[in-house]
Amino acid sequence: MTPRVHLVVTSALLGGAGMAFISGSLEAWAVDTFGKANLKELFSSMGTLKNVGGVVASILAGALVKYLGLKWPLLVSGILSVLSTVILLSLKNNRGHPEGRTIIRKNLQMFKDARFSTLVLVILLVSSMLSVFFVIWPLTLKDAGLYESLFGIVYFLLMTSMAVGSYLARRVSNEINGMRTSLLGSAAITLTIAFLLKVSPTKLTAVFILGFRVILEILIGAYYVFIAHLRNSVIPSKIRASAISMISLMNSGVEMVILPLFLALGDLSLKWVICSTLLVSGVLVFELWKTMYIQTFD
């Protein structure tokens, strides 16, 4: 095993360990600390700053790759992930529910709640789509003729667009309508990209696809705010952190299965069609969830 492989494995271990603690815990702590009154603004600020951090990291990673090689950004990302966990563990415990032995059972019992299980299904469908095009967007632009030397700038642009979407989400008066718009808009864009790839893969097509990708990232940034708001509204405080972590774990498991299957399927246009299909399925399940949600409060 070469030193470079050691660094990759080490960074993956550090990053995974760090994310295992952060995933779900920070959102749950924030909701319990600040309450539900300003939930949308809270998640908008968190999402915006997280994506701004991604913008800064993209610049830093580019500099490290250029001057020190690819291995150092991987290791630095793992160390920063663990550092985030250390900061999280230093936060004051505001829960007061020492029920460790029953927490897993309570999480599983949440699936008896149709609102919870339906919302989890929406998350899994959309997450499957996100995991796919996070991998295939560079292949798509390259196939359409965009110069590889521009990919760094494109990544910076896309991360900035996601930050803008997270910020704009707070301006939406109704998060349920905002969620629907994000999903429908994303479905239309992914289907349009599939059409452009199939009909005319040229450099002009690459420009159009890039434009649609920017809009798509804005919608994704808003989606993360809306889904965080809705998810934390459904899950009770006692098990919020562990339940959200469980959902994240399920997402990872689905992605591990789905992503290799997608990469083995047909051409790029077909992959984008399937992304659109998953989003439409997510819309249909979300409409079912919305009906349950409204009936609960009537």
Protein backbone atom coordinates (compact mmCIF):
# COMPACT_ATOMS: atom_id res chain seq x y z
CA MET A 1 0.00 0.00 0.00
CA THR A 2 1.51 3.32 -1.05
CA PRO A 3 1.60 6.42 1.20
CA ARG A 4 -1.01 8.08 -1.02
CA VAL A 5 -3.47 5.23 -0.45
CA HIS A 6 -2.80 5.46 3.30
CA LEU A 7 -3.74 9.15 3.23
CA VAL A 8 -6.91 8.50 1.26
CA VAL A 9 -8.00 5.75 3.64
CA THR A 10 -7.10 7.86 6.69
CA SER A 11 -9.01 10.89 5.40
CA ALA A 12 -12.02 8.71 4.61
CA LEU A 13 -11.92 7.26 8.13
CA LEU A 14 -11.62 10.69 9.75
CA GLY A 15 -14.31 12.19 7.54
CA GLY A 16 -16.72 9.32 8.10
CA ALA A 17 -16.16 9.32 11.86
CA GLY A 18 -16.67 13.08 12.01
CA MET A 19 -19.84 13.04 9.91
CA ALA A 20 -21.28 10.17 11.97
CA PHE A 21 -21.31 12.46 15.00
CA ILE A 22 -22.38 15.61 13.19
CA SER A 23 -25.13 14.16 11.01
CA GLY A 24 -28.45 14.93 12.68
CA SER A 25 -26.97 16.01 16.00
CA LEU A 26 -26.28 19.64 15.11
CA GLU A 27 -29.73 20.22 13.61
CA ALA A 28 -31.45 18.58 16.58
CA TRP A 29 -29.41 20.59 19.08
CA ALA A 30 -30.19 23.82 17.22
CA VAL A 31 -33.94 23.12 17.14
CA ASP A 32 -34.05 22.27 20.86
CA THR A 33 -31.98 25.35 21.70
CA PHE A 34 -33.69 28.00 19.58
CA GLY A 35 -37.17 26.51 19.26
CA LYS A 36 -39.39 26.06 16.23
CA ALA A 37 -40.50 29.68 15.81
CA ASN A 38 -37.60 30.63 13.51
CA LEU A 39 -36.82 27.18 12.17
CA LYS A 40 -36.73 28.14 8.49
CA GLU A 41 -34.42 31.10 9.10
CA LEU A 42 -32.19 28.92 11.29
CA PHE A 43 -31.75 26.22 8.64
CA SER A 44 -31.38 28.84 5.93
CA SER A 45 -28.48 30.42 7.81
CA MET A 46 -26.91 27.02 8.53
CA GLY A 47 -27.24 25.93 4.89
CA THR A 48 -25.94 29.23 3.55
CA LEU A 49 -22.86 29.25 5.78
CA LYS A 50 -22.20 25.57 5.11
CA ASN A 51 -22.22 26.17 1.35
CA VAL A 52 -20.13 29.34 1.69
CA GLY A 53 -17.67 27.14 3.56
CA GLY A 54 -17.75 24.83 0.54
CA VAL A 55 -16.94 27.76 -1.72
CA VAL A 56 -13.94 28.70 0.44
CA ALA A 57 -12.89 25.05 0.64
CA SER A 58 -13.02 24.70 -3.15
CA ILE A 59 -10.52 27.57 -3.49
CA LEU A 60 -8.29 26.18 -0.74
CA ALA A 61 -8.43 22.67 -2.16
CA GLY A 62 -7.49 23.96 -5.62
CA ALA A 63 -4.47 25.74 -4.19
CA LEU A 64 -3.40 22.66 -2.21
CA VAL A 65 -3.74 20.42 -5.26
CA LYS A 66 -1.72 22.81 -7.39
CA TYR A 67 1.15 23.30 -4.97
CA LEU A 68 1.15 20.20 -2.71
CA GLY A 69 -0.69 17.47 -4.63
CA LEU A 70 -4.05 15.74 -4.37
CA LYS A 71 -3.39 13.85 -1.13
CA TRP A 72 -3.37 16.89 1.17
CA PRO A 73 -6.92 18.18 0.45
CA LEU A 74 -8.22 14.71 1.30
CA LEU A 75 -6.41 14.61 4.62
CA VAL A 76 -7.30 18.22 5.49
CA SER A 77 -11.00 17.53 4.77
CA GLY A 78 -10.93 14.56 7.15
CA ILE A 79 -9.22 16.57 9.89
CA LEU A 80 -11.72 19.44 9.53
CA SER A 81 -14.59 16.96 9.76
CA VAL A 82 -13.28 15.62 13.06
CA LEU A 83 -12.65 19.18 14.27
CA SER A 84 -16.32 19.94 13.58
CA THR A 85 -17.24 16.99 15.77
CA VAL A 86 -15.01 18.23 18.58
CA ILE A 87 -16.77 21.60 18.45
CA LEU A 88 -20.16 19.86 18.47
CA LEU A 89 -19.23 17.79 21.53
CA SER A 90 -18.29 20.99 23.36
CA LEU A 91 -21.84 22.36 23.05
CA LYS A 92 -24.02 22.34 26.15
CA ASN A 93 -26.27 19.31 26.47
CA ASN A 94 -29.81 20.65 26.38
CA ARG A 95 -31.73 17.40 25.99
CA GLY A 96 -32.03 15.74 29.38
CA HIS A 97 -33.45 12.44 28.11
CA PRO A 98 -31.04 9.68 29.29
CA GLU A 99 -32.83 6.80 27.55
CA GLY A 100 -29.93 5.27 25.66
CA ARG A 101 -31.11 1.66 25.91
CA THR A 102 -34.48 2.36 24.30
CA ILE A 103 -33.52 4.99 21.74
CA ILE A 104 -33.11 2.57 18.80
CA ARG A 105 -36.47 0.94 19.49
CA LYS A 106 -38.12 4.37 19.65
CA ASN A 107 -36.54 5.30 16.33
CA LEU A 108 -37.95 2.20 14.68
CA GLN A 109 -41.35 2.84 16.22
CA MET A 110 -41.38 6.19 14.44
CA PHE A 111 -41.95 4.30 11.20
CA LYS A 112 -45.42 3.39 12.47
CA ASP A 113 -46.21 7.08 11.99
CA ALA A 114 -47.27 7.37 8.34
CA ARG A 115 -46.19 11.03 8.19
CA PHE A 116 -42.67 10.15 9.31
CA SER A 117 -42.21 7.10 7.08
CA THR A 118 -43.62 8.92 4.02
CA LEU A 119 -41.30 11.88 4.57
CA VAL A 120 -38.34 9.49 4.91
CA LEU A 121 -39.32 7.95 1.55
CA VAL A 122 -39.28 11.41 -0.06
CA ILE A 123 -35.81 12.02 1.39
CA LEU A 124 -34.51 8.67 0.12
CA LEU A 125 -35.86 9.23 -3.41
CA VAL A 126 -34.39 12.72 -3.69
CA SER A 127 -31.09 11.72 -2.05
CA SER A 128 -30.71 8.89 -4.57
CA MET A 129 -31.00 11.42 -7.38
CA LEU A 130 -28.60 13.86 -5.72
CA SER A 131 -25.94 11.18 -5.25
CA VAL A 132 -26.11 10.41 -8.95
CA PHE A 133 -25.75 13.82 -10.50
CA PHE A 134 -23.13 14.96 -8.00
CA VAL A 135 -21.01 12.32 -9.74
CA ILE A 136 -22.18 12.72 -13.34
CA TRP A 137 -22.29 16.50 -13.74
CA PRO A 138 -18.56 16.74 -14.69
CA LEU A 139 -19.02 13.83 -17.13
CA THR A 140 -22.05 15.58 -18.58
CA LEU A 141 -20.27 18.88 -19.19
CA LYS A 142 -17.21 17.11 -20.55
CA ASP A 143 -19.39 15.05 -22.91
CA ALA A 144 -21.05 18.28 -24.08
CA GLY A 145 -17.64 19.83 -24.87
CA LEU A 146 -16.79 22.03 -21.88
CA TYR A 147 -13.04 22.37 -21.29
CA GLU A 148 -11.83 20.42 -18.26
CA SER A 149 -9.68 23.39 -17.24
CA LEU A 150 -12.92 25.26 -16.41
CA PHE A 151 -14.25 22.64 -13.98
CA GLY A 152 -12.71 24.32 -10.93
CA ILE A 153 -14.49 27.58 -11.73
CA VAL A 154 -17.70 25.66 -12.44
CA TYR A 155 -17.54 23.92 -9.06
CA PHE A 156 -17.05 27.31 -7.37
CA LEU A 157 -20.08 28.64 -9.27
CA LEU A 158 -22.27 25.68 -8.34
CA MET A 159 -21.38 25.84 -4.64
CA THR A 160 -22.10 29.57 -4.65
CA SER A 161 -25.46 28.91 -6.31
CA MET A 162 -26.38 26.38 -3.62
CA ALA A 163 -25.54 28.96 -0.94
CA VAL A 164 -27.80 31.47 -2.70
CA GLY A 165 -30.61 28.89 -2.76
CA SER A 166 -30.26 28.24 0.97
CA TYR A 167 -30.46 31.96 1.66
CA LEU A 168 -33.45 32.55 -0.64
CA ALA A 169 -35.37 29.75 1.10
CA ARG A 170 -35.98 32.04 4.07
CA ARG A 171 -37.86 34.42 1.78
CA VAL A 172 -40.43 31.76 0.90
CA SER A 173 -43.59 32.24 2.96
CA ASN A 174 -44.72 28.60 2.85
CA GLU A 175 -42.10 25.84 3.05
CA ILE A 176 -44.52 23.17 1.75
CA ASN A 177 -45.13 25.14 -1.46
CA GLY A 178 -41.41 25.88 -1.64
CA MET A 179 -40.63 22.18 -1.34
CA ARG A 180 -43.04 21.33 -4.15
CA THR A 181 -41.57 24.04 -6.39
CA SER A 182 -38.01 22.84 -5.71
CA LEU A 183 -38.85 19.24 -6.60
CA LEU A 184 -40.91 20.08 -9.71
CA GLY A 185 -38.33 22.59 -10.94
CA SER A 186 -35.50 20.11 -10.42
CA ALA A 187 -37.43 17.39 -12.26
CA ALA A 188 -38.02 19.70 -15.23
CA ILE A 189 -34.35 20.75 -15.34
CA THR A 190 -32.95 17.21 -15.15
CA LEU A 191 -35.29 16.11 -17.95
CA THR A 192 -34.26 19.13 -20.06
CA ILE A 193 -30.57 18.29 -19.57
CA ALA A 194 -31.28 14.73 -20.73
CA PHE A 195 -32.99 16.11 -23.84
CA LEU A 196 -30.10 18.47 -24.64
CA LEU A 197 -27.55 15.65 -24.31
CA LYS A 198 -29.56 13.42 -26.61
CA VAL A 199 -30.31 16.00 -29.30
CA SER A 200 -27.25 18.22 -29.62
CA PRO A 201 -24.11 17.61 -27.48
CA THR A 202 -22.09 20.70 -28.49
CA LYS A 203 -20.20 23.47 -26.69
CA LEU A 204 -23.30 25.66 -26.91
CA THR A 205 -25.23 22.81 -25.32
CA ALA A 206 -22.64 22.78 -22.51
CA VAL A 207 -23.34 26.46 -21.85
CA PHE A 208 -27.10 25.81 -21.64
CA ILE A 209 -26.54 22.78 -19.40
CA LEU A 210 -24.30 24.85 -17.14
CA GLY A 211 -27.00 27.50 -16.88
CA PHE A 212 -29.58 24.89 -15.95
CA ARG A 213 -27.15 23.39 -13.42
CA VAL A 214 -26.81 26.78 -11.71
CA ILE A 215 -30.60 27.01 -11.36
CA LEU A 216 -30.70 23.41 -10.19
CA GLU A 217 -28.16 24.12 -7.45
CA ILE A 218 -30.26 27.07 -6.26
CA LEU A 219 -33.27 24.75 -6.01
CA ILE A 220 -31.20 22.11 -4.20
CA GLY A 221 -29.96 24.68 -1.68
CA ALA A 222 -33.58 25.67 -0.99
CA TYR A 223 -34.68 22.02 -0.84
CA TYR A 224 -32.24 21.26 1.97
CA VAL A 225 -33.69 24.10 4.04
CA PHE A 226 -37.30 23.04 3.43
CA ILE A 227 -36.72 19.34 4.11
CA ALA A 228 -34.79 20.11 7.31
CA HIS A 229 -37.67 22.31 8.49
CA LEU A 230 -40.33 19.68 7.75
CA ARG A 231 -38.30 16.77 9.09
CA ASN A 232 -37.62 18.46 12.41
CA SER A 233 -41.27 19.44 12.70
CA VAL A 234 -42.34 15.79 12.52
CA ILE A 235 -39.69 14.13 14.74
CA PRO A 236 -40.20 14.56 18.51
CA SER A 237 -37.44 16.13 20.57
CA LYS A 238 -36.57 13.02 22.61
CA ILE A 239 -35.28 11.09 19.61
CA ARG A 240 -34.67 13.87 17.08
CA ALA A 241 -30.86 13.58 16.95
CA SER A 242 -30.74 9.80 16.68
CA ALA A 243 -33.70 9.64 14.25
CA ILE A 244 -32.11 12.15 11.87
CA SER A 245 -28.79 10.31 12.13
CA MET A 246 -30.63 7.09 11.28
CA ILE A 247 -32.13 8.75 8.20
CA SER A 248 -28.65 9.89 7.14
CA LEU A 249 -27.36 6.34 7.58
CA MET A 250 -30.23 5.03 5.43
CA ASN A 251 -29.38 7.63 2.79
CA SER A 252 -25.78 6.44 2.73
CA GLY A 253 -26.87 2.82 2.39
CA VAL A 254 -29.23 3.60 -0.48
CA GLU A 255 -26.54 5.66 -2.23
CA MET A 256 -24.01 2.82 -1.91
CA VAL A 257 -26.43 0.52 -3.75
CA ILE A 258 -27.96 2.99 -6.21
CA LEU A 259 -24.87 4.83 -7.42
CA PRO A 260 -23.01 1.83 -8.93
CA LEU A 261 -26.24 0.73 -10.63
CA PHE A 262 -26.75 4.17 -12.17
CA LEU A 263 -23.18 4.38 -13.39
CA ALA A 264 -23.62 1.03 -15.13
CA LEU A 265 -26.82 2.09 -16.91
CA GLY A 266 -26.83 3.34 -20.51
CA ASP A 267 -25.64 6.75 -21.64
CA LEU A 268 -25.61 10.02 -19.72
CA SER A 269 -28.97 11.17 -21.06
CA LEU A 270 -30.62 8.04 -19.62
CA LYS A 271 -29.05 8.76 -16.23
CA TRP A 272 -30.57 12.25 -16.24
CA VAL A 273 -33.96 10.83 -17.26
CA ILE A 274 -33.83 8.48 -14.29
CA CYS A 275 -32.89 11.41 -12.03
CA SER A 276 -35.98 13.23 -13.28
CA THR A 277 -38.11 10.12 -12.69
CA LEU A 278 -36.90 9.86 -9.10
CA LEU A 279 -37.75 13.50 -8.53
CA VAL A 280 -41.25 13.07 -9.97
CA SER A 281 -41.71 10.05 -7.69
CA GLY A 282 -40.54 12.24 -4.82
CA VAL A 283 -43.15 14.86 -5.75
CA LEU A 284 -45.95 12.26 -5.76
CA VAL A 285 -44.93 10.86 -2.37
CA PHE A 286 -44.56 14.41 -1.01
CA GLU A 287 -48.10 15.25 -2.11
CA LEU A 288 -49.27 12.19 -0.18
CA TRP A 289 -47.29 13.38 2.85
CA LYS A 290 -48.75 16.87 2.54
CA THR A 291 -52.28 15.42 2.65
CA MET A 292 -51.42 13.55 5.84
CA TYR A 293 -49.84 16.67 7.33
CA ILE A 294 -52.88 18.86 6.64
CA GLN A 295 -55.31 16.24 7.97
CA THR A 296 -53.32 16.09 11.19
CA PHE A 297 -53.81 19.79 11.90
CA ASP A 298 -57.41 20.16 10.66
